[in-house]
Every structure is written in C-alpha cells, then in structure tokens.
Amino acid sequence: MIEVTPTSEEADQECFSEENLHRAIKAIRESGFVVINDVVDHAHLDVLRGKMETDLEKVRALPVVPHNFLWGNIQQDPPPYAEYVFRDVVANRFICQVTRTLLGAGAFNNYLSGNSNVPGSGLQPVHVDAGQLWPNLDVAHPTARLAVNLALDDTTEENGVIELWPGTHRDTRMTVGRSLRLLEEDVAERRAVEPPVLGMTRKGAFLIRDLRLWHRGTPNTSEDTRFMIAMIHNIAWYKRAGRFDLDKRCASVFEGCVIENAIPLVDEPSDYVGRNEAYEYDGPN
C-alpha cells in the first residue's frame, strides 16, 4: 500500500512537490488507492468524534437503523454545522491537489457522509461503491469519481479496517445499474491473482480510492466504534445532484479550493441524523 507523507516544506506550503504528487497519482491509477498521511489537525478529529458519538446514539434509536449489507456498518453523516466543518477535513489542500490533478478542471464534491463500524460488526460482502460508467468495455475508462475517506482515529485489524482489492478498479464486469456486490466466484478468481490488503491508516490520514475499487468493511472486535467520514470528488461532467446540505456559515472553508463544493449552503440544514436508509439489509436494529 502506497503512503505519501508531506515533507516539512510541503506542509508549510500545503502543496505536494511534483515528485510526491506523481507518487500519489500513480498509486491511484495502478492500485486504485493511496494513503495521504499527517494532513489533518487531530483536535478537529476529536471534536468531530465527540459529536458523532452523541449522534450515533440517536441514529441507533431510529425505527430503522441504516446498516449497510449487515449489522454494525452504519451509514452516518457528520454534522453539517460550521463549528464542525473544518477546512483540513472537507477542503484539504493536499487531497484536493491530488484529486484535481486526476479529475481535471471543474471537479467537484457533492457528497458528505460516513460509515460508523460499531463493536460486534461482521464481515461485509466484497462490493464496489459504483461500477464502470458504461457496459461492455474492453478496457476500463479513466478515473471519474474518487472516494475520499477520513477515519477519526487509527484504523486497525481490531476496529474494523477497510479491506482493499488492488487493481480491481480496472475490472470491467461491475457496471452502473447492477448490484454492488461481487459474486463469490469472481472474488475467488481475483484472490488467486492478487489478494486484498488491509487499508490501515493512522489518525490524521486520508485514504483516496477509485469508486470502482472492490472493498469491504471488516469486523470490529474492539470496544470502540470506528468513525469514518466520506466525500466523493467527481469529474466535471458527472451529474451534480446530491442529498446533502451545509450551514451557510461554512462557505469560507471552501474559499480558494481547487475542488468545487457542490453541496448547497443553506440557512437551516436538513435532518442529517435521520435521512439515511439501510442498504441491502433487513435484519434487526
């Protein structure tokens, strides 16, 4: 797994050198993902974690808890209010430099949600977040959409780290419109070619991955919930509609960012705690 850490000079400038930028871009193009270390203030993550812990209690009290595939992987949006929306989280200069280089001019973010992996969760099926944009491709199209994931703590084998399948973003069998789950025979075939890796990251690191990459959540055997925030950076011509909104007081955090914020800024954000739905799950709350 390729990890890129800013040098002290890069940190001061909030900008990668050509060498480190090239390393990050190459990793995404070849493996489908890269880790960018040490680019978020831990104090910001602690503030978010405290609020999301409180919100999770409300989410788990809903009539239908939004589990993904199986019990314990819960869709949870971060708070949309200005006191919880930090520039180094939602408009991180290093991350946006990488994604803008890959996606080109006009790239935008229209997604701000997350996944909370609670103690006692199980092993998700291998799946993609989105397939190839067109069917019957002989060769996968270039990257058009990127997931930008930020865990609020270290991710480990114990607390439900994400499992990643290198190179699978170039597999053309998964296309938009079909189930996100991989067939067991396809998974077995790929494992024989190249097995998965665990995307362990330390606090303050982002994981950028192609949305077509095969992956899954692993069991959380620890005593603490693993909180993760997710954004999606899209190529300019992709559809812009989304279901999120943010407090209009957040506007300043996006100033000067090379990735456009396409999430509406409003006077009163909508119900971010109760708007998610379960995905391919109909078991107990």
C-alpha atoms as a PDB file:
ATOM      1  CA  MET A   1       0.000   0.000   0.000  1.00  0.00           C
ATOM      2  CA  ILE A   2       1.483   3.328  -1.096  1.00  0.00           C
ATOM      3  CA  GLU A   3       1.570   6.078   1.542  1.00  0.00           C
ATOM      4  CA  VAL A   4       2.603   9.661   0.846  1.00  0.00           C
ATOM      5  CA  THR A   5       3.607  11.972   3.710  1.00  0.00           C
ATOM      6  CA  PRO A   6       4.242  15.692   3.156  1.00  0.00           C
ATOM      7  CA  THR A   7       7.727  16.957   3.866  1.00  0.00           C
ATOM      8  CA  SER A   8       8.063  19.865   6.295  1.00  0.00           C
ATOM      9  CA  GLU A   9       8.406  22.248   3.348  1.00  0.00           C
ATOM     10  CA  GLU A  10       5.307  20.795   1.667  1.00  0.00           C
ATOM     11  CA  ALA A  11       3.396  21.045   4.941  1.00  0.00           C
ATOM     12  CA  ASP A  12       4.258  24.721   5.213  1.00  0.00           C
ATOM     13  CA  GLN A  13       3.035  25.352   1.672  1.00  0.00           C
ATOM     14  CA  GLU A  14       0.066  22.915   1.850  1.00  0.00           C
ATOM     15  CA  CYS A  15       1.148  21.613  -1.533  1.00  0.00           C
ATOM     16  CA  PHE A  16       2.905  18.467  -2.739  1.00  0.00           C
ATOM     17  CA  SER A  17       6.053  18.618  -4.816  1.00  0.00           C
ATOM     18  CA  GLU A  18       5.850  17.143  -8.299  1.00  0.00           C
ATOM     19  CA  GLU A  19       7.577  14.008  -7.014  1.00  0.00           C
ATOM     20  CA  ASN A  20       5.098  13.275  -4.223  1.00  0.00           C
ATOM     21  CA  LEU A  21       2.135  14.298  -6.353  1.00  0.00           C
ATOM     22  CA  HIS A  22       3.282  11.867  -9.041  1.00  0.00           C
ATOM     23  CA  ARG A  23       3.613   9.069  -6.467  1.00  0.00           C
ATOM     24  CA  ALA A  24       0.050   9.619  -5.269  1.00  0.00           C
ATOM     25  CA  ILE A  25      -1.388   9.802  -8.783  1.00  0.00           C
ATOM     26  CA  LYS A  26       0.488   6.694  -9.913  1.00  0.00           C
ATOM     27  CA  ALA A  27      -0.750   4.710  -6.903  1.00  0.00           C
ATOM     28  CA  ILE A  28      -4.390   5.569  -7.628  1.00  0.00           C
ATOM     29  CA  ARG A  29      -4.074   4.809 -11.320  1.00  0.00           C
ATOM     30  CA  GLU A  30      -2.315   1.489 -10.771  1.00  0.00           C
ATOM     31  CA  SER A  31      -3.612   0.147  -7.442  1.00  0.00           C
ATOM     32  CA  GLY A  32      -6.801   2.178  -7.180  1.00  0.00           C
ATOM     33  CA  PHE A  33      -5.954   3.861  -3.885  1.00  0.00           C
ATOM     34  CA  VAL A  34      -3.384   5.820  -1.887  1.00  0.00           C
ATOM     35  CA  VAL A  35      -2.950   6.974   1.721  1.00  0.00           C
ATOM     36  CA  ILE A  36      -2.015  10.586   2.444  1.00  0.00           C
ATOM     37  CA  ASN A  37      -0.542  10.919   5.953  1.00  0.00           C
ATOM     38  CA  ASP A  38      -0.425  13.682   8.554  1.00  0.00           C
ATOM     39  CA  VAL A  39      -2.598  16.330   6.917  1.00  0.00           C
ATOM     40  CA  VAL A  40      -5.405  16.857   9.473  1.00  0.00           C
ATOM     41  CA  ASP A  41      -5.328  18.562  12.867  1.00  0.00           C
ATOM     42  CA  HIS A  42      -6.066  15.876  15.479  1.00  0.00           C
ATOM     43  CA  ALA A  43      -8.016  18.402  17.555  1.00  0.00           C
ATOM     44  CA  HIS A  44     -10.504  18.745  14.686  1.00  0.00           C
ATOM     45  CA  LEU A  45     -10.926  14.980  14.552  1.00  0.00           C
ATOM     46  CA  ASP A  46     -11.520  14.857  18.309  1.00  0.00           C
ATOM     47  CA  VAL A  47     -14.269  17.482  18.053  1.00  0.00           C
ATOM     48  CA  LEU A  48     -15.925  15.528  15.247  1.00  0.00           C
ATOM     49  CA  ARG A  49     -15.618  12.244  17.092  1.00  0.00           C
ATOM     50  CA  GLY A  50     -17.279  13.640  20.207  1.00  0.00           C
ATOM     51  CA  LYS A  51     -20.239  14.938  18.221  1.00  0.00           C
ATOM     52  CA  MET A  52     -20.574  11.808  16.090  1.00  0.00           C
ATOM     53  CA  GLU A  53     -20.543   9.608  19.190  1.00  0.00           C
ATOM     54  CA  THR A  54     -23.507  11.573  20.538  1.00  0.00           C
ATOM     55  CA  ASP A  55     -25.257  11.494  17.154  1.00  0.00           C
ATOM     56  CA  LEU A  56     -24.717   7.742  16.823  1.00  0.00           C
ATOM     57  CA  GLU A  57     -26.893   7.158  19.881  1.00  0.00           C
ATOM     58  CA  LYS A  58     -29.705   8.982  18.057  1.00  0.00           C
ATOM     59  CA  VAL A  59     -29.083   7.058  14.843  1.00  0.00           C
ATOM     60  CA  ARG A  60     -29.235   3.730  16.678  1.00  0.00           C
ATOM     61  CA  ALA A  61     -32.543   4.789  18.269  1.00  0.00           C
ATOM     62  CA  LEU A  62     -34.201   5.264  14.856  1.00  0.00           C
ATOM     63  CA  PRO A  63     -37.061   2.898  13.910  1.00  0.00           C
ATOM     64  CA  VAL A  64     -34.846   1.559  11.124  1.00  0.00           C
ATOM     65  CA  VAL A  65     -31.085   1.861  11.633  1.00  0.00           C
ATOM     66  CA  PRO A  66     -29.219   2.433   8.314  1.00  0.00           C
ATOM     67  CA  HIS A  67     -26.971  -0.639   8.349  1.00  0.00           C
ATOM     68  CA  ASN A  68     -25.067  -1.409   5.124  1.00  0.00           C
ATOM     69  CA  PHE A  69     -25.268  -5.071   3.991  1.00  0.00           C
ATOM     70  CA  LEU A  70     -25.070  -6.417   7.552  1.00  0.00           C
ATOM     71  CA  TRP A  71     -25.499  -5.340  11.164  1.00  0.00           C
ATOM     72  CA  GLY A  72     -22.888  -2.965  12.514  1.00  0.00           C
ATOM     73  CA  ASN A  73     -21.768  -0.981   9.474  1.00  0.00           C
ATOM     74  CA  ILE A  74     -23.952   2.089   9.925  1.00  0.00           C
ATOM     75  CA  GLN A  75     -24.359   4.950   7.459  1.00  0.00           C
ATOM     76  CA  GLN A  76     -23.862   8.129   9.484  1.00  0.00           C
ATOM     77  CA  ASP A  77     -23.499  11.697   8.236  1.00  0.00           C
ATOM     78  CA  PRO A  78     -21.183  14.102  10.056  1.00  0.00           C
ATOM     79  CA  PRO A  79     -22.746  17.275  11.494  1.00  0.00           C
ATOM     80  CA  PRO A  80     -23.312  19.999   8.854  1.00  0.00           C
ATOM     81  CA  TYR A  81     -22.852  22.974  11.183  1.00  0.00           C
ATOM     82  CA  ALA A  82     -19.992  25.457  10.900  1.00  0.00           C
ATOM     83  CA  GLU A  83     -18.425  24.560  14.244  1.00  0.00           C
ATOM     84  CA  TYR A  84     -17.863  21.008  12.970  1.00  0.00           C
ATOM     85  CA  VAL A  85     -16.896  21.693   9.349  1.00  0.00           C
ATOM     86  CA  PHE A  86     -13.130  22.154   9.116  1.00  0.00           C
ATOM     87  CA  ARG A  87     -11.117  23.191   6.064  1.00  0.00           C
ATOM     88  CA  ASP A  88      -8.499  20.458   6.542  1.00  0.00           C
ATOM     89  CA  VAL A  89     -11.310  17.880   6.540  1.00  0.00           C
ATOM     90  CA  VAL A  90     -13.717  18.936   3.777  1.00  0.00           C
ATOM     91  CA  ALA A  91     -11.378  21.030   1.594  1.00  0.00           C
ATOM     92  CA  ASN A  92      -7.944  19.673   2.421  1.00  0.00           C
ATOM     93  CA  ARG A  93      -5.384  21.285   0.123  1.00  0.00           C
ATOM     94  CA  PHE A  94      -3.231  18.164  -0.293  1.00  0.00           C
ATOM     95  CA  ILE A  95      -6.190  15.908  -1.038  1.00  0.00           C
ATOM     96  CA  CYS A  96      -7.752  18.352  -3.463  1.00  0.00           C
ATOM     97  CA  GLN A  97      -4.424  18.815  -5.261  1.00  0.00           C
ATOM     98  CA  VAL A  98      -4.318  15.058  -5.881  1.00  0.00           C
ATOM     99  CA  THR A  99      -7.956  14.632  -6.896  1.00  0.00           C
ATOM    100  CA  ARG A 100      -7.980  17.760  -9.078  1.00  0.00           C
ATOM    101  CA  THR A 101      -4.884  16.501 -10.914  1.00  0.00           C
ATOM    102  CA  LEU A 102      -6.616  13.200 -11.626  1.00  0.00           C
ATOM    103  CA  LEU A 103     -10.084  14.527 -12.449  1.00  0.00           C
ATOM    104  CA  GLY A 104      -9.198  17.768 -14.200  1.00  0.00           C
ATOM    105  CA  ALA A 105     -10.707  21.244 -14.234  1.00  0.00           C
ATOM    106  CA  GLY A 106     -14.234  21.608 -12.892  1.00  0.00           C
ATOM    107  CA  ALA A 107     -14.004  18.671 -10.469  1.00  0.00           C
ATOM    108  CA  PHE A 108     -16.443  18.933  -7.583  1.00  0.00           C
ATOM    109  CA  ASN A 109     -17.574  17.337  -4.315  1.00  0.00           C
ATOM    110  CA  ASN A 110     -21.290  16.669  -3.818  1.00  0.00           C
ATOM    111  CA  TYR A 111     -21.172  14.101  -1.000  1.00  0.00           C
ATOM    112  CA  LEU A 112     -20.524  14.255   2.736  1.00  0.00           C
ATOM    113  CA  SER A 113     -21.471  11.171   4.709  1.00  0.00           C
ATOM    114  CA  GLY A 114     -19.669   8.430   6.592  1.00  0.00           C
ATOM    115  CA  ASN A 115     -19.561   4.909   7.946  1.00  0.00           C
ATOM    116  CA  SER A 116     -19.523   4.016  11.629  1.00  0.00           C
ATOM    117  CA  ASN A 117     -18.331   0.479  12.310  1.00  0.00           C
ATOM    118  CA  VAL A 118     -19.606  -0.488  15.760  1.00  0.00           C
ATOM    119  CA  PRO A 119     -18.265  -3.201  18.085  1.00  0.00           C
ATOM    120  CA  GLY A 120     -19.642  -6.625  17.185  1.00  0.00           C
ATOM    121  CA  SER A 121     -19.999  -5.930  13.460  1.00  0.00           C
ATOM    122  CA  GLY A 122     -19.430  -8.631  10.868  1.00  0.00           C
ATOM    123  CA  LEU A 123     -17.575  -9.037   7.587  1.00  0.00           C
ATOM    124  CA  GLN A 124     -19.250  -7.215   4.706  1.00  0.00           C
ATOM    125  CA  PRO A 125     -19.511  -8.804   1.271  1.00  0.00           C
ATOM    126  CA  VAL A 126     -16.952  -7.590  -1.238  1.00  0.00           C
ATOM    127  CA  HIS A 127     -18.547  -4.758  -3.181  1.00  0.00           C
ATOM    128  CA  VAL A 128     -17.969  -1.548  -5.114  1.00  0.00           C
ATOM    129  CA  ASP A 129     -19.433   1.873  -4.410  1.00  0.00           C
ATOM    130  CA  ALA A 130     -20.025   2.398  -8.121  1.00  0.00           C
ATOM    131  CA  GLY A 131     -19.303   0.391 -11.244  1.00  0.00           C
ATOM    132  CA  GLN A 132     -17.894   1.335 -14.619  1.00  0.00           C
ATOM    133  CA  LEU A 133     -19.941   4.155 -16.147  1.00  0.00           C
ATOM    134  CA  TRP A 134     -20.583   2.207 -19.365  1.00  0.00           C
ATOM    135  CA  PRO A 135     -21.223  -1.504 -20.034  1.00  0.00           C
ATOM    136  CA  ASN A 136     -19.301  -3.833 -22.314  1.00  0.00           C
ATOM    137  CA  LEU A 137     -15.980  -2.058 -22.023  1.00  0.00           C
ATOM    138  CA  ASP A 138     -12.862  -3.847 -23.236  1.00  0.00           C
ATOM    139  CA  VAL A 139     -10.721  -1.530 -21.107  1.00  0.00           C
ATOM    140  CA  ALA A 140     -11.784   0.423 -18.038  1.00  0.00           C
ATOM    141  CA  HIS A 141     -12.292   4.137 -18.523  1.00  0.00           C
ATOM    142  CA  PRO A 142     -10.023   6.635 -16.705  1.00  0.00           C
ATOM    143  CA  THR A 143     -10.865   7.635 -13.148  1.00  0.00           C
ATOM    144  CA  ALA A 144     -14.053   9.702 -12.991  1.00  0.00           C
ATOM    145  CA  ARG A 145     -15.033   9.506  -9.315  1.00  0.00           C
ATOM    146  CA  LEU A 146     -12.946   9.239  -6.152  1.00  0.00           C
ATOM    147  CA  ALA A 147     -13.941   8.360  -2.603  1.00  0.00           C
ATOM    148  CA  VAL A 148     -12.130  10.500  -0.049  1.00  0.00           C
ATOM    149  CA  ASN A 149     -12.202   8.663   3.294  1.00  0.00           C
ATOM    150  CA  LEU A 150     -11.046  10.031   6.638  1.00  0.00           C
ATOM    151  CA  ALA A 151     -11.130   7.893   9.786  1.00  0.00           C
ATOM    152  CA  LEU A 152     -11.271   9.868  13.028  1.00  0.00           C
ATOM    153  CA  ASP A 153      -8.777   7.560  14.790  1.00  0.00           C
ATOM    154  CA  ASP A 154      -6.144   4.999  13.844  1.00  0.00           C
ATOM    155  CA  THR A 155      -7.701   2.131  11.886  1.00  0.00           C
ATOM    156  CA  THR A 156      -6.535  -1.344  12.896  1.00  0.00           C
ATOM    157  CA  GLU A 157      -7.315  -5.002  12.379  1.00  0.00           C
ATOM    158  CA  GLU A 158      -9.297  -4.838  15.618  1.00  0.00           C
ATOM    159  CA  ASN A 159     -11.573  -1.847  14.985  1.00  0.00           C
ATOM    160  CA  GLY A 160     -12.930  -2.666  11.537  1.00  0.00           C
ATOM    161  CA  VAL A 161     -10.353  -1.531   8.983  1.00  0.00           C
ATOM    162  CA  ILE A 162     -11.378  -1.435   5.316  1.00  0.00           C
ATOM    163  CA  GLU A 163     -10.236  -4.302   3.084  1.00  0.00           C
ATOM    164  CA  LEU A 164      -8.993  -3.182  -0.346  1.00  0.00           C
ATOM    165  CA  TRP A 165      -8.515  -5.188  -3.547  1.00  0.00           C
ATOM    166  CA  PRO A 166      -5.647  -3.643  -5.547  1.00  0.00           C
ATOM    167  CA  GLY A 167      -6.204  -3.082  -9.246  1.00  0.00           C
ATOM    168  CA  THR A 168      -9.873  -4.053  -9.280  1.00  0.00           C
ATOM    169  CA  HIS A 169     -10.975  -0.590 -10.407  1.00  0.00           C
ATOM    170  CA  ARG A 170      -9.805  -1.738 -13.838  1.00  0.00           C
ATOM    171  CA  ASP A 171     -12.094  -4.801 -13.811  1.00  0.00           C
ATOM    172  CA  THR A 172     -14.919  -4.115 -16.281  1.00  0.00           C
ATOM    173  CA  ARG A 173     -17.516  -6.632 -15.097  1.00  0.00           C
ATOM    174  CA  MET A 174     -19.022  -4.254 -12.496  1.00  0.00           C
ATOM    175  CA  THR A 175     -21.086  -1.576 -14.236  1.00  0.00           C
ATOM    176  CA  VAL A 176     -23.555   1.074 -13.145  1.00  0.00           C
ATOM    177  CA  GLY A 177     -27.036  -0.405 -12.771  1.00  0.00           C
ATOM    178  CA  ARG A 178     -26.155  -3.845 -11.432  1.00  0.00           C
ATOM    179  CA  SER A 179     -25.815  -4.956  -7.808  1.00  0.00           C
ATOM    180  CA  LEU A 180     -22.827  -3.539  -5.970  1.00  0.00           C
ATOM    181  CA  ARG A 181     -21.969  -6.993  -4.574  1.00  0.00           C
ATOM    182  CA  LEU A 182     -19.330  -9.155  -6.221  1.00  0.00           C
ATOM    183  CA  LEU A 183     -20.170 -12.780  -6.937  1.00  0.00           C
ATOM    184  CA  GLU A 184     -18.283 -15.272  -4.768  1.00  0.00           C
ATOM    185  CA  GLU A 185     -16.726 -16.932  -7.805  1.00  0.00           C
ATOM    186  CA  ASP A 186     -15.420 -13.558  -9.032  1.00  0.00           C
ATOM    187  CA  VAL A 187     -13.908 -12.869  -5.606  1.00  0.00           C
ATOM    188  CA  ALA A 188     -12.232 -16.283  -5.511  1.00  0.00           C
ATOM    189  CA  GLU A 189     -10.853 -15.794  -9.006  1.00  0.00           C
ATOM    190  CA  ARG A 190      -9.404 -12.389  -8.109  1.00  0.00           C
ATOM    191  CA  ARG A 191      -7.923 -13.651  -4.836  1.00  0.00           C
ATOM    192  CA  ALA A 192      -5.870 -16.163  -6.800  1.00  0.00           C
ATOM    193  CA  VAL A 193      -4.473 -13.330  -8.951  1.00  0.00           C
ATOM    194  CA  GLU A 194      -3.885 -10.728  -6.234  1.00  0.00           C
ATOM    195  CA  PRO A 195      -5.231 -10.972  -2.681  1.00  0.00           C
ATOM    196  CA  PRO A 196      -6.640  -7.991  -0.774  1.00  0.00           C
ATOM    197  CA  VAL A 197      -4.789  -5.758   1.666  1.00  0.00           C
ATOM    198  CA  LEU A 198      -5.944  -4.027   4.832  1.00  0.00           C
ATOM    199  CA  GLY A 199      -6.132  -0.257   4.452  1.00  0.00           C
ATOM    200  CA  MET A 200      -4.791   0.571   7.901  1.00  0.00           C
ATOM    201  CA  THR A 201      -4.274   4.289   8.416  1.00  0.00           C
ATOM    202  CA  ARG A 202      -3.124   6.366  11.331  1.00  0.00           C
ATOM    203  CA  LYS A 203      -5.028   9.289  12.783  1.00  0.00           C
ATOM    204  CA  GLY A 204      -4.820  12.343  10.539  1.00  0.00           C
ATOM    205  CA  ALA A 205      -4.520  10.355   7.278  1.00  0.00           C
ATOM    206  CA  PHE A 206      -6.850  10.223   4.283  1.00  0.00           C
ATOM    207  CA  LEU A 207      -7.498   7.208   2.079  1.00  0.00           C
ATOM    208  CA  ILE A 208      -8.302   8.186  -1.513  1.00  0.00           C
ATOM    209  CA  ARG A 209      -9.716   5.368  -3.639  1.00  0.00           C
ATOM    210  CA  ASP A 210     -11.308   4.953  -7.028  1.00  0.00           C
ATOM    211  CA  LEU A 211     -15.049   4.441  -6.511  1.00  0.00           C
ATOM    212  CA  ARG A 212     -14.887   1.284  -8.659  1.00  0.00           C
ATOM    213  CA  LEU A 213     -12.393  -0.440  -6.354  1.00  0.00           C
ATOM    214  CA  TRP A 214     -13.526  -3.691  -4.731  1.00  0.00           C
ATOM    215  CA  HIS A 215     -13.553  -3.362  -0.940  1.00  0.00           C
ATOM    216  CA  ARG A 216     -15.439  -4.236   2.245  1.00  0.00           C
ATOM    217  CA  GLY A 217     -15.679  -3.432   5.926  1.00  0.00           C
ATOM    218  CA  THR A 218     -14.169  -5.956   8.340  1.00  0.00           C
ATOM    219  CA  PRO A 219     -15.410  -6.944  11.829  1.00  0.00           C
ATOM    220  CA  ASN A 220     -14.901  -4.533  14.705  1.00  0.00           C
ATOM    221  CA  THR A 221     -13.691  -6.707  17.585  1.00  0.00           C
ATOM    222  CA  SER A 222     -12.635  -3.747  19.726  1.00  0.00           C
ATOM    223  CA  GLU A 223     -14.690  -1.932  22.344  1.00  0.00           C
ATOM    224  CA  ASP A 224     -14.900   1.357  20.420  1.00  0.00           C
ATOM    225  CA  THR A 225     -16.742   2.494  17.306  1.00  0.00           C
ATOM    226  CA  ARG A 226     -14.578   3.265  14.276  1.00  0.00           C
ATOM    227  CA  PHE A 227     -15.913   6.500  12.746  1.00  0.00           C
ATOM    228  CA  MET A 228     -15.114   7.393   9.152  1.00  0.00           C
ATOM    229  CA  ILE A 229     -16.109  10.411   7.046  1.00  0.00           C
ATOM    230  CA  ALA A 230     -16.585  10.061   3.288  1.00  0.00           C
ATOM    231  CA  MET A 231     -16.690  12.521   0.409  1.00  0.00           C
ATOM    232  CA  ILE A 232     -16.882  11.900  -3.334  1.00  0.00           C
ATOM    233  CA  HIS A 233     -14.900  14.015  -5.790  1.00  0.00           C
ATOM    234  CA  ASN A 234     -16.340  13.837  -9.305  1.00  0.00           C
ATOM    235  CA  ILE A 235     -15.210  14.682 -12.811  1.00  0.00           C
ATOM    236  CA  ALA A 236     -16.734  17.942 -14.116  1.00  0.00           C
ATOM    237  CA  TRP A 237     -19.347  16.397 -16.412  1.00  0.00           C
ATOM    238  CA  TYR A 238     -20.781  13.941 -13.880  1.00  0.00           C
ATOM    239  CA  LYS A 239     -24.276  14.586 -12.504  1.00  0.00           C
ATOM    240  CA  ARG A 240     -24.196  17.103  -9.665  1.00  0.00           C
ATOM    241  CA  ALA A 241     -27.377  16.257  -7.751  1.00  0.00           C
ATOM    242  CA  GLY A 242     -26.918  15.216  -4.126  1.00  0.00           C
ATOM    243  CA  ARG A 243     -28.933  14.832  -0.943  1.00  0.00           C
ATOM    244  CA  PHE A 244     -26.771  16.835   1.450  1.00  0.00           C
ATOM    245  CA  ASP A 245     -26.632  20.430   2.629  1.00  0.00           C
ATOM    246  CA  LEU A 246     -24.415  22.510   4.882  1.00  0.00           C
ATOM    247  CA  ASP A 247     -24.764  25.516   7.149  1.00  0.00           C
ATOM    248  CA  LYS A 248     -24.142  28.607   5.005  1.00  0.00           C
ATOM    249  CA  ARG A 249     -21.614  29.778   7.606  1.00  0.00           C
ATOM    250  CA  CYS A 250     -19.297  27.067   6.235  1.00  0.00           C
ATOM    251  CA  ALA A 251     -18.718  28.989   2.999  1.00  0.00           C
ATOM    252  CA  SER A 252     -15.322  30.353   3.990  1.00  0.00           C
ATOM    253  CA  VAL A 253     -13.709  26.916   4.395  1.00  0.00           C
ATOM    254  CA  PHE A 254     -14.091  26.287   0.659  1.00  0.00           C
ATOM    255  CA  GLU A 255     -12.544  29.563  -0.491  1.00  0.00           C
ATOM    256  CA  GLY A 256      -9.580  29.029  -2.792  1.00  0.00           C
ATOM    257  CA  CYS A 257     -10.116  25.265  -3.047  1.00  0.00           C
ATOM    258  CA  VAL A 258      -9.423  23.678  -6.455  1.00  0.00           C
ATOM    259  CA  ILE A 259     -12.304  21.232  -5.904  1.00  0.00           C
ATOM    260  CA  GLU A 260     -15.670  22.978  -6.116  1.00  0.00           C
ATOM    261  CA  ASN A 261     -18.112  22.474  -3.262  1.00  0.00           C
ATOM    262  CA  ALA A 262     -21.408  21.429  -4.894  1.00  0.00           C
ATOM    263  CA  ILE A 263     -23.173  20.786  -1.578  1.00  0.00           C
ATOM    264  CA  PRO A 264     -25.810  23.516  -1.083  1.00  0.00           C
ATOM    265  CA  LEU A 265     -25.172  26.039   1.687  1.00  0.00           C
ATOM    266  CA  VAL A 266     -28.436  26.797   3.495  1.00  0.00           C
ATOM    267  CA  ASP A 267     -29.816  28.736   6.455  1.00  0.00           C
ATOM    268  CA  GLU A 268     -31.094  25.632   8.218  1.00  0.00           C
ATOM    269  CA  PRO A 269     -29.530  22.251   7.346  1.00  0.00           C
ATOM    270  CA  SER A 270     -31.906  19.302   6.997  1.00  0.00           C
ATOM    271  CA  ASP A 271     -32.154  16.287   9.306  1.00  0.00           C
ATOM    272  CA  TYR A 272     -28.717  14.748   8.918  1.00  0.00           C
ATOM    273  CA  VAL A 273     -29.291  12.177  11.679  1.00  0.00           C
ATOM    274  CA  GLY A 274     -32.398  10.526  10.264  1.00  0.00           C
ATOM    275  CA  ARG A 275     -32.105  10.810   6.488  1.00  0.00           C
ATOM    276  CA  ASN A 276     -30.103   7.654   5.697  1.00  0.00           C
ATOM    277  CA  GLU A 277     -31.631   4.291   4.812  1.00  0.00           C
ATOM    278  CA  ALA A 278     -30.433   0.724   5.240  1.00  0.00           C
ATOM    279  CA  TYR A 279     -28.743  -0.772   2.174  1.00  0.00           C
ATOM    280  CA  GLU A 280     -29.414  -4.436   1.300  1.00  0.00           C
ATOM    281  CA  TYR A 281     -30.209  -5.156   4.955  1.00  0.00           C
ATOM    282  CA  ASP A 282     -33.457  -6.175   6.626  1.00  0.00           C
ATOM    283  CA  GLY A 283     -32.247  -7.701   9.895  1.00  0.00           C
ATOM    284  CA  PRO A 284     -32.581  -6.489  13.480  1.00  0.00           C
ATOM    285  CA  ASN A 285     -31.771  -2.938  14.509  1.00  0.00           C
END
